Amino acid sequence: HSGEKHYQCSQCGKSFRAKFDLITHQRTHSGERPYLCAQCGKSFGAKSDLITHQQSHSGEKPFQCSQC
């Protein structure tokens, strides 16, 4: 809970608190995009980006504007 960032990217020096975040970040350097959209074939480096993208196919809008 100290907020210390123990995991450092060997390519750019950026540091992360969680090893998983470092692994996801390293994909920006390697170009690896293991998460594939089954509907259109677009690929993503982070699972969360794939999930957000999939909502564009389903029309799902999980967040609603409090102003509208």
PDB file of N, CA and C in Angstrom:
ATOM      1  N   HIS A   1       0.813  -1.210   0.000  1.00  0.00           N
ATOM      2  CA  HIS A   1       0.000   0.000   0.000  1.00  0.00           C
ATOM      3  C   HIS A   1       0.849   1.264   0.000  1.00  0.00           C
ATOM      4  N   SER A   2       2.133   1.097  -0.143  1.00  0.00           N
ATOM      5  CA  SER A   2       3.017   2.254  -0.084  1.00  0.00           C
ATOM      6  C   SER A   2       3.023   3.051  -1.380  1.00  0.00           C
ATOM      7  N   GLY A   3       2.526   2.478  -2.457  1.00  0.00           N
ATOM      8  CA  GLY A   3       2.532   3.167  -3.736  1.00  0.00           C
ATOM      9  C   GLY A   3       3.848   3.046  -4.478  1.00  0.00           C
ATOM     10  N   GLU A   4       4.771   2.273  -3.930  1.00  0.00           N
ATOM     11  CA  GLU A   4       6.066   2.100  -4.584  1.00  0.00           C
ATOM     12  C   GLU A   4       5.894   1.319  -5.879  1.00  0.00           C
ATOM     13  N   LYS A   5       6.674   1.704  -6.860  1.00  0.00           N
ATOM     14  CA  LYS A   5       6.612   1.064  -8.175  1.00  0.00           C
ATOM     15  C   LYS A   5       7.863   0.218  -8.355  1.00  0.00           C
ATOM     16  N   HIS A   6       7.713  -1.081  -8.152  1.00  0.00           N
ATOM     17  CA  HIS A   6       8.847  -2.001  -8.157  1.00  0.00           C
ATOM     18  C   HIS A   6       9.148  -2.605  -9.522  1.00  0.00           C
ATOM     19  N   TYR A   7       8.252  -2.430 -10.479  1.00  0.00           N
ATOM     20  CA  TYR A   7       8.416  -3.074 -11.775  1.00  0.00           C
ATOM     21  C   TYR A   7       8.720  -2.017 -12.829  1.00  0.00           C
ATOM     22  N   GLN A   8       9.935  -2.067 -13.377  1.00  0.00           N
ATOM     23  CA  GLN A   8      10.380  -1.049 -14.320  1.00  0.00           C
ATOM     24  C   GLN A   8      10.578  -1.638 -15.717  1.00  0.00           C
ATOM     25  N   CYS A   9      10.110  -0.908 -16.707  1.00  0.00           N
ATOM     26  CA  CYS A   9      10.269  -1.312 -18.099  1.00  0.00           C
ATOM     27  C   CYS A   9      11.729  -1.145 -18.509  1.00  0.00           C
ATOM     28  N   SER A  10      12.316  -2.201 -19.029  1.00  0.00           N
ATOM     29  CA  SER A  10      13.721  -2.154 -19.437  1.00  0.00           C
ATOM     30  C   SER A  10      13.915  -1.343 -20.720  1.00  0.00           C
ATOM     31  N   GLN A  11      12.838  -1.086 -21.444  1.00  0.00           N
ATOM     32  CA  GLN A  11      12.946  -0.341 -22.708  1.00  0.00           C
ATOM     33  C   GLN A  11      12.874   1.169 -22.513  1.00  0.00           C
ATOM     34  N   CYS A  12      11.968   1.622 -21.647  1.00  0.00           N
ATOM     35  CA  CYS A  12      11.768   3.074 -21.519  1.00  0.00           C
ATOM     36  C   CYS A  12      11.922   3.601 -20.098  1.00  0.00           C
ATOM     37  N   GLY A  13      12.015   2.702 -19.128  1.00  0.00           N
ATOM     38  CA  GLY A  13      12.222   3.127 -17.748  1.00  0.00           C
ATOM     39  C   GLY A  13      10.959   3.431 -16.961  1.00  0.00           C
ATOM     40  N   LYS A  14       9.805   3.378 -17.590  1.00  0.00           N
ATOM     41  CA  LYS A  14       8.552   3.639 -16.880  1.00  0.00           C
ATOM     42  C   LYS A  14       8.344   2.562 -15.824  1.00  0.00           C
ATOM     43  N   SER A  15       7.848   2.964 -14.653  1.00  0.00           N
ATOM     44  CA  SER A  15       7.683   2.032 -13.536  1.00  0.00           C
ATOM     45  C   SER A  15       6.213   1.803 -13.208  1.00  0.00           C
ATOM     46  N   PHE A  16       5.955   0.611 -12.656  1.00  0.00           N
ATOM     47  CA  PHE A  16       4.591   0.193 -12.339  1.00  0.00           C
ATOM     48  C   PHE A  16       4.540  -0.473 -10.977  1.00  0.00           C
ATOM     49  N   ARG A  17       3.391  -0.373 -10.328  1.00  0.00           N
ATOM     50  CA  ARG A  17       3.194  -1.018  -9.026  1.00  0.00           C
ATOM     51  C   ARG A  17       2.952  -2.505  -9.173  1.00  0.00           C
ATOM     52  N   ALA A  18       2.290  -2.903 -10.242  1.00  0.00           N
ATOM     53  CA  ALA A  18       1.922  -4.307 -10.433  1.00  0.00           C
ATOM     54  C   ALA A  18       2.652  -4.890 -11.644  1.00  0.00           C
ATOM     55  N   LYS A  19       3.089  -6.124 -11.506  1.00  0.00           N
ATOM     56  CA  LYS A  19       3.792  -6.806 -12.590  1.00  0.00           C
ATOM     57  C   LYS A  19       2.901  -6.920 -13.828  1.00  0.00           C
ATOM     58  N   PHE A  20       1.620  -7.177 -13.607  1.00  0.00           N
ATOM     59  CA  PHE A  20       0.673  -7.286 -14.714  1.00  0.00           C
ATOM     60  C   PHE A  20       0.650  -6.003 -15.538  1.00  0.00           C
ATOM     61  N   ASP A  21       0.693  -4.856 -14.876  1.00  0.00           N
ATOM     62  CA  ASP A  21       0.681  -3.576 -15.588  1.00  0.00           C
ATOM     63  C   ASP A  21       1.945  -3.393 -16.423  1.00  0.00           C
ATOM     64  N   LEU A  22       3.072  -3.862 -15.902  1.00  0.00           N
ATOM     65  CA  LEU A  22       4.318  -3.816 -16.669  1.00  0.00           C
ATOM     66  C   LEU A  22       4.207  -4.687 -17.916  1.00  0.00           C
ATOM     67  N   ILE A  23       3.673  -5.891 -17.757  1.00  0.00           N
ATOM     68  CA  ILE A  23       3.535  -6.807 -18.891  1.00  0.00           C
ATOM     69  C   ILE A  23       2.645  -6.190 -19.972  1.00  0.00           C
ATOM     70  N   THR A  24       1.537  -5.605 -19.557  1.00  0.00           N
ATOM     71  CA  THR A  24       0.639  -4.950 -20.509  1.00  0.00           C
ATOM     72  C   THR A  24       1.355  -3.795 -21.201  1.00  0.00           C
ATOM     73  N   HIS A  25       2.092  -3.001 -20.448  1.00  0.00           N
ATOM     74  CA  HIS A  25       2.842  -1.874 -21.008  1.00  0.00           C
ATOM     75  C   HIS A  25       3.884  -2.338 -22.019  1.00  0.00           C
ATOM     76  N   GLN A  26       4.569  -3.421 -21.720  1.00  0.00           N
ATOM     77  CA  GLN A  26       5.634  -3.900 -22.604  1.00  0.00           C
ATOM     78  C   GLN A  26       5.105  -4.253 -23.991  1.00  0.00           C
ATOM     79  N   ARG A  27       3.834  -4.526 -24.090  1.00  0.00           N
ATOM     80  CA  ARG A  27       3.236  -4.818 -25.397  1.00  0.00           C
ATOM     81  C   ARG A  27       3.254  -3.590 -26.299  1.00  0.00           C
ATOM     82  N   THR A  28       3.322  -2.394 -25.719  1.00  0.00           N
ATOM     83  CA  THR A  28       3.414  -1.193 -26.550  1.00  0.00           C
ATOM     84  C   THR A  28       4.744  -1.157 -27.287  1.00  0.00           C
ATOM     85  N   HIS A  29       5.761  -1.765 -26.719  1.00  0.00           N
ATOM     86  CA  HIS A  29       7.076  -1.816 -27.363  1.00  0.00           C
ATOM     87  C   HIS A  29       7.182  -2.992 -28.330  1.00  0.00           C
ATOM     88  N   SER A  30       6.634  -4.130 -27.950  1.00  0.00           N
ATOM     89  CA  SER A  30       6.778  -5.348 -28.762  1.00  0.00           C
ATOM     90  C   SER A  30       5.771  -5.417 -29.909  1.00  0.00           C
ATOM     91  N   GLY A  31       4.671  -4.681 -29.759  1.00  0.00           N
ATOM     92  CA  GLY A  31       3.621  -4.740 -30.770  1.00  0.00           C
ATOM     93  C   GLY A  31       2.685  -5.926 -30.596  1.00  0.00           C
ATOM     94  N   GLU A  32       2.903  -6.718 -29.546  1.00  0.00           N
ATOM     95  CA  GLU A  32       2.049  -7.880 -29.290  1.00  0.00           C
ATOM     96  C   GLU A  32       0.631  -7.413 -28.969  1.00  0.00           C
ATOM     97  N   ARG A  33      -0.351  -8.043 -29.617  1.00  0.00           N
ATOM     98  CA  ARG A  33      -1.755  -7.700 -29.407  1.00  0.00           C
ATOM     99  C   ARG A  33      -2.546  -9.006 -29.316  1.00  0.00           C
ATOM    100  N   PRO A  34      -2.515  -9.650 -28.154  1.00  0.00           N
ATOM    101  CA  PRO A  34      -3.080 -10.997 -28.032  1.00  0.00           C
ATOM    102  C   PRO A  34      -4.602 -11.069 -27.908  1.00  0.00           C
ATOM    103  N   TYR A  35      -5.267  -9.937 -27.721  1.00  0.00           N
ATOM    104  CA  TYR A  35      -6.716  -9.966 -27.517  1.00  0.00           C
ATOM    105  C   TYR A  35      -7.414  -9.607 -28.829  1.00  0.00           C
ATOM    106  N   LEU A  36      -8.109 -10.581 -29.411  1.00  0.00           N
ATOM    107  CA  LEU A  36      -8.684 -10.459 -30.744  1.00  0.00           C
ATOM    108  C   LEU A  36     -10.207 -10.382 -30.686  1.00  0.00           C
ATOM    109  N   CYS A  37     -10.766  -9.420 -31.390  1.00  0.00           N
ATOM    110  CA  CYS A  37     -12.218  -9.299 -31.496  1.00  0.00           C
ATOM    111  C   CYS A  37     -12.730 -10.374 -32.447  1.00  0.00           C
ATOM    112  N   ALA A  38     -13.630 -11.203 -31.971  1.00  0.00           N
ATOM    113  CA  ALA A  38     -14.173 -12.299 -32.774  1.00  0.00           C
ATOM    114  C   ALA A  38     -15.085 -11.790 -33.889  1.00  0.00           C
ATOM    115  N   GLN A  39     -15.587 -10.566 -33.752  1.00  0.00           N
ATOM    116  CA  GLN A  39     -16.528 -10.057 -34.754  1.00  0.00           C
ATOM    117  C   GLN A  39     -15.848  -9.375 -35.930  1.00  0.00           C
ATOM    118  N   CYS A  40     -14.752  -8.671 -35.681  1.00  0.00           N
ATOM    119  CA  CYS A  40     -14.137  -7.926 -36.789  1.00  0.00           C
ATOM    120  C   CYS A  40     -12.649  -8.215 -36.979  1.00  0.00           C
ATOM    121  N   GLY A  41     -12.042  -8.941 -36.039  1.00  0.00           N
ATOM    122  CA  GLY A  41     -10.639  -9.307 -36.183  1.00  0.00           C
ATOM    123  C   GLY A  41      -9.641  -8.286 -35.673  1.00  0.00           C
ATOM    124  N   LYS A  42     -10.106  -7.159 -35.176  1.00  0.00           N
ATOM    125  CA  LYS A  42      -9.191  -6.154 -34.631  1.00  0.00           C
ATOM    126  C   LYS A  42      -8.557  -6.706 -33.357  1.00  0.00           C
ATOM    127  N   SER A  43      -7.277  -6.393 -33.148  1.00  0.00           N
ATOM    128  CA  SER A  43      -6.589  -6.933 -31.978  1.00  0.00           C
ATOM    129  C   SER A  43      -6.141  -5.814 -31.044  1.00  0.00           C
ATOM    130  N   PHE A  44      -5.938  -6.193 -29.774  1.00  0.00           N
ATOM    131  CA  PHE A  44      -5.625  -5.231 -28.728  1.00  0.00           C
ATOM    132  C   PHE A  44      -4.556  -5.777 -27.799  1.00  0.00           C
ATOM    133  N   GLY A  45      -3.790  -4.878 -27.217  1.00  0.00           N
ATOM    134  CA  GLY A  45      -2.743  -5.265 -26.279  1.00  0.00           C
ATOM    135  C   GLY A  45      -3.261  -5.465 -24.870  1.00  0.00           C
ATOM    136  N   ALA A  46      -4.416  -4.893 -24.566  1.00  0.00           N
ATOM    137  CA  ALA A  46      -4.999  -5.003 -23.228  1.00  0.00           C
ATOM    138  C   ALA A  46      -6.421  -5.549 -23.332  1.00  0.00           C
ATOM    139  N   LYS A  47      -6.764  -6.454 -22.444  1.00  0.00           N
ATOM    140  CA  LYS A  47      -8.098  -7.054 -22.452  1.00  0.00           C
ATOM    141  C   LYS A  47      -9.177  -5.994 -22.249  1.00  0.00           C
ATOM    142  N   SER A  48      -8.895  -5.009 -21.408  1.00  0.00           N
ATOM    143  CA  SER A  48      -9.879  -3.955 -21.150  1.00  0.00           C
ATOM    144  C   SER A  48     -10.191  -3.166 -22.422  1.00  0.00           C
ATOM    145  N   ASP A  49      -9.190  -2.988 -23.289  1.00  0.00           N
ATOM    146  CA  ASP A  49      -9.427  -2.288 -24.556  1.00  0.00           C
ATOM    147  C   ASP A  49     -10.319  -3.115 -25.480  1.00  0.00           C
ATOM    148  N   LEU A  50     -10.132  -4.431 -25.467  1.00  0.00           N
ATOM    149  CA  LEU A  50     -10.995  -5.309 -26.263  1.00  0.00           C
ATOM    150  C   LEU A  50     -12.435  -5.223 -25.769  1.00  0.00           C
ATOM    151  N   ILE A  51     -12.623  -5.268 -24.470  1.00  0.00           N
ATOM    152  CA  ILE A  51     -13.976  -5.219 -23.900  1.00  0.00           C
ATOM    153  C   ILE A  51     -14.672  -3.915 -24.286  1.00  0.00           C
ATOM    154  N   THR A  52     -13.955  -2.804 -24.184  1.00  0.00           N
ATOM    155  CA  THR A  52     -14.518  -1.512 -24.577  1.00  0.00           C
ATOM    156  C   THR A  52     -14.877  -1.522 -26.061  1.00  0.00           C
ATOM    157  N   HIS A  53     -13.986  -2.061 -26.887  1.00  0.00           N
ATOM    158  CA  HIS A  53     -14.227  -2.146 -28.330  1.00  0.00           C
ATOM    159  C   HIS A  53     -15.462  -2.986 -28.640  1.00  0.00           C
ATOM    160  N   GLN A  54     -15.630  -4.108 -27.956  1.00  0.00           N
ATOM    161  CA  GLN A  54     -16.753  -5.007 -28.228  1.00  0.00           C
ATOM    162  C   GLN A  54     -18.093  -4.315 -28.007  1.00  0.00           C
ATOM    163  N   GLN A  55     -18.116  -3.325 -27.157  1.00  0.00           N
ATOM    164  CA  GLN A  55     -19.354  -2.582 -26.925  1.00  0.00           C
ATOM    165  C   GLN A  55     -19.771  -1.808 -28.171  1.00  0.00           C
ATOM    166  N   SER A  56     -18.815  -1.489 -29.039  1.00  0.00           N
ATOM    167  CA  SER A  56     -19.165  -0.789 -30.279  1.00  0.00           C
ATOM    168  C   SER A  56     -19.965  -1.699 -31.212  1.00  0.00           C
ATOM    169  N   HIS A  57     -19.777  -3.000 -31.100  1.00  0.00           N
ATOM    170  CA  HIS A  57     -20.534  -3.948 -31.912  1.00  0.00           C
ATOM    171  C   HIS A  57     -21.914  -4.210 -31.314  1.00  0.00           C
ATOM    172  N   SER A  58     -21.985  -4.274 -30.005  1.00  0.00           N
ATOM    173  CA  SER A  58     -23.245  -4.625 -29.341  1.00  0.00           C
ATOM    174  C   SER A  58     -24.165  -3.427 -29.155  1.00  0.00           C
ATOM    175  N   GLY A  59     -23.589  -2.222 -29.244  1.00  0.00           N
ATOM    176  CA  GLY A  59     -24.377  -1.024 -28.988  1.00  0.00           C
ATOM    177  C   GLY A  59     -24.536  -0.741 -27.511  1.00  0.00           C
ATOM    178  N   GLU A  60     -23.927  -1.579 -26.680  1.00  0.00           N
ATOM    179  CA  GLU A  60     -24.019  -1.411 -25.234  1.00  0.00           C
ATOM    180  C   GLU A  60     -23.337  -0.116 -24.817  1.00  0.00           C
ATOM    181  N   LYS A  61     -24.007   0.636 -23.972  1.00  0.00           N
ATOM    182  CA  LYS A  61     -23.450   1.873 -23.429  1.00  0.00           C
ATOM    183  C   LYS A  61     -23.601   1.810 -21.912  1.00  0.00           C
ATOM    184  N   PRO A  62     -22.586   1.264 -21.231  1.00  0.00           N
ATOM    185  CA  PRO A  62     -22.718   1.026 -19.794  1.00  0.00           C
ATOM    186  C   PRO A  62     -22.701   2.288 -18.933  1.00  0.00           C
ATOM    187  N   PHE A  63     -22.299   3.419 -19.516  1.00  0.00           N
ATOM    188  CA  PHE A  63     -22.238   4.653 -18.739  1.00  0.00           C
ATOM    189  C   PHE A  63     -23.197   5.664 -19.351  1.00  0.00           C
ATOM    190  N   GLN A  64     -23.947   6.318 -18.484  1.00  0.00           N
ATOM    191  CA  GLN A  64     -24.928   7.276 -18.955  1.00  0.00           C
ATOM    192  C   GLN A  64     -24.558   8.664 -18.451  1.00  0.00           C
ATOM    193  N   CYS A  65     -24.701   9.652 -19.309  1.00  0.00           N
ATOM    194  CA  CYS A  65     -24.398  11.031 -18.948  1.00  0.00           C
ATOM    195  C   CYS A  65     -25.461  11.547 -17.979  1.00  0.00           C
ATOM    196  N   SER A  66     -25.018  12.107 -16.872  1.00  0.00           N
ATOM    197  CA  SER A  66     -25.958  12.627 -15.871  1.00  0.00           C
ATOM    198  C   SER A  66     -26.582  13.947 -16.330  1.00  0.00           C
ATOM    199  N   GLN A  67     -26.027  14.577 -17.351  1.00  0.00           N
ATOM    200  CA  GLN A  67     -26.542  15.847 -17.865  1.00  0.00           C
ATOM    201  C   GLN A  67     -27.658  15.648 -18.895  1.00  0.00           C
ATOM    202  N   CYS A  68     -27.586  14.543 -19.629  1.00  0.00           N
ATOM    203  CA  CYS A  68     -28.565  14.327 -20.713  1.00  0.00           C
ATOM    204  C   CYS A  68     -29.769  13.599 -20.167  1.00  0.00           C
TER     205      CYS A  68
END
